Amino acid sequence: MVKEFEVYLVNLDPTVGLEIKKTRPCVVLSSAEMNSVLGTVIIAPMTTTLRGYPSRLEIRFQSKFCEICLDQIRAVDESRLSKNSLGRLKQEDIDEVKDTMVEMFKL
């Protein structure tokens, strides 16, 4: 079962314009309950190209510095995800994701 705040490799192709492309790690933002019912998963791509945008959170995941691109959130079919999770975000990173999303979407 795909769970919130786990990281999976996700095939993001095909894309259009400035959408982040290729297969890359992505953070699952949708809940396990939602994922199991819909068959789609809401994700935020990760990149090792650090831009420092306010909508991108710099974290350390699997010994690499990277950014979670909350400005590139999208829904993807579950078939785009790798079979196994690469791991889960640390609680401090989860809290930062939640805080940033509240600020971004004025929730």
Protein backbone atom coordinates (compact mmCIF):
# COMPACT_ATOMS: atom_id res chain seq x y z
CA MET A 1 0.00 0.00 0.00
CA VAL A 2 1.33 3.43 -0.97
CA LYS A 3 1.51 5.65 2.12
CA GLU A 4 1.77 9.38 2.68
CA PHE A 5 5.31 10.80 2.92
CA GLU A 6 6.97 7.70 1.48
CA VAL A 7 9.35 8.25 -1.43
CA TYR A 8 9.04 6.26 -4.67
CA LEU A 9 10.73 6.40 -8.04
CA VAL A 10 8.09 7.78 -10.41
CA ASN A 11 8.12 7.90 -14.20
CA LEU A 12 7.00 11.48 -14.90
CA ASP A 13 7.25 11.26 -18.71
CA PRO A 14 5.70 12.42 -20.93
CA THR A 15 5.67 16.03 -19.79
CA VAL A 16 4.94 19.41 -21.34
CA GLY A 17 6.86 22.67 -21.06
CA LEU A 18 8.47 23.33 -17.69
CA GLU A 19 7.10 20.26 -15.90
CA ILE A 20 9.82 18.21 -14.20
CA LYS A 21 10.54 15.18 -16.33
CA LYS A 22 12.15 11.73 -16.30
CA THR A 23 12.03 9.02 -13.66
CA ARG A 24 12.94 10.48 -10.28
CA PRO A 25 12.20 10.16 -6.57
CA CYS A 26 8.88 11.69 -5.54
CA VAL A 27 7.20 12.21 -2.18
CA VAL A 28 3.67 10.86 -1.85
CA LEU A 29 1.37 13.58 -0.47
CA SER A 30 -1.99 11.79 -0.65
CA SER A 31 -3.18 9.51 2.15
CA ALA A 32 -3.05 5.70 1.95
CA GLU A 33 -6.86 5.61 2.15
CA MET A 34 -7.20 7.97 -0.80
CA ASN A 35 -4.56 6.11 -2.82
CA SER A 36 -6.24 2.73 -2.33
CA VAL A 37 -9.64 4.02 -3.50
CA LEU A 38 -8.67 6.23 -6.45
CA GLY A 39 -5.78 4.38 -8.07
CA THR A 40 -4.00 7.72 -8.47
CA VAL A 41 -1.40 9.22 -6.17
CA ILE A 42 -0.62 12.88 -5.48
CA ILE A 43 3.15 13.38 -5.54
CA ALA A 44 5.80 16.07 -5.35
CA PRO A 45 8.97 15.41 -7.39
CA MET A 46 12.42 15.65 -5.85
CA THR A 47 15.55 17.05 -7.50
CA THR A 48 19.23 17.33 -6.64
CA THR A 49 19.38 20.63 -8.57
CA LEU A 50 19.05 23.07 -5.69
CA ARG A 51 17.25 26.28 -6.69
CA GLY A 52 16.32 27.71 -3.29
CA TYR A 53 12.78 28.68 -4.33
CA PRO A 54 10.36 29.26 -1.41
CA SER A 55 8.15 26.46 -2.75
CA ARG A 56 11.03 23.96 -2.64
CA LEU A 57 12.20 22.37 0.58
CA GLU A 58 15.83 21.40 0.91
CA ILE A 59 16.25 18.11 2.75
CA ARG A 60 18.76 15.30 3.07
CA PHE A 61 17.41 11.97 1.80
CA GLN A 62 19.54 8.83 1.50
CA SER A 63 22.72 10.84 2.14
CA LYS A 64 21.98 13.32 -0.69
CA PHE A 65 20.92 16.94 -0.50
CA CYS A 66 17.82 17.50 -2.60
CA GLU A 67 14.70 19.63 -2.86
CA ILE A 68 11.07 18.59 -2.68
CA CYS A 69 9.40 20.57 -5.48
CA LEU A 70 6.04 21.55 -4.00
CA ASP A 71 5.52 23.87 -6.98
CA GLN A 72 5.35 20.73 -9.18
CA ILE A 73 2.67 18.75 -7.29
CA ARG A 74 0.62 16.48 -9.55
CA ALA A 75 -1.58 13.40 -9.58
CA VAL A 76 -0.19 10.32 -11.32
CA ASP A 77 -1.54 6.85 -11.96
CA GLU A 78 -0.25 4.36 -9.40
CA SER A 79 1.35 2.33 -12.23
CA ARG A 80 3.96 5.11 -12.64
CA LEU A 81 5.42 4.32 -9.19
CA SER A 82 8.20 1.80 -8.55
CA LYS A 83 7.13 -1.37 -6.78
CA ASN A 84 9.04 -0.56 -3.59
CA SER A 85 9.39 2.57 -1.51
CA LEU A 86 12.83 4.16 -1.26
CA GLY A 87 12.04 5.19 2.31
CA ARG A 88 10.05 7.71 4.29
CA LEU A 89 10.72 11.36 5.08
CA LYS A 90 11.93 12.24 8.58
CA GLN A 91 9.28 13.75 10.84
CA GLU A 92 10.96 17.18 10.77
CA ASP A 93 10.78 17.14 6.94
CA ILE A 94 7.13 16.03 7.04
CA ASP A 95 6.31 18.95 9.34
CA GLU A 96 8.08 21.36 7.00
CA VAL A 97 6.19 19.99 3.96
CA LYS A 98 2.87 20.47 5.78
CA ASP A 99 3.75 24.01 6.91
CA THR A 100 4.87 25.03 3.42
CA MET A 101 1.72 23.63 1.80
CA VAL A 102 -0.47 25.54 4.27
CA GLU A 103 1.39 28.73 3.37
CA MET A 104 1.40 28.05 -0.40
CA PHE A 105 -2.31 27.27 -0.61
CA LYS A 106 -3.41 29.76 2.06
CA LEU A 107 -5.13 26.98 4.04
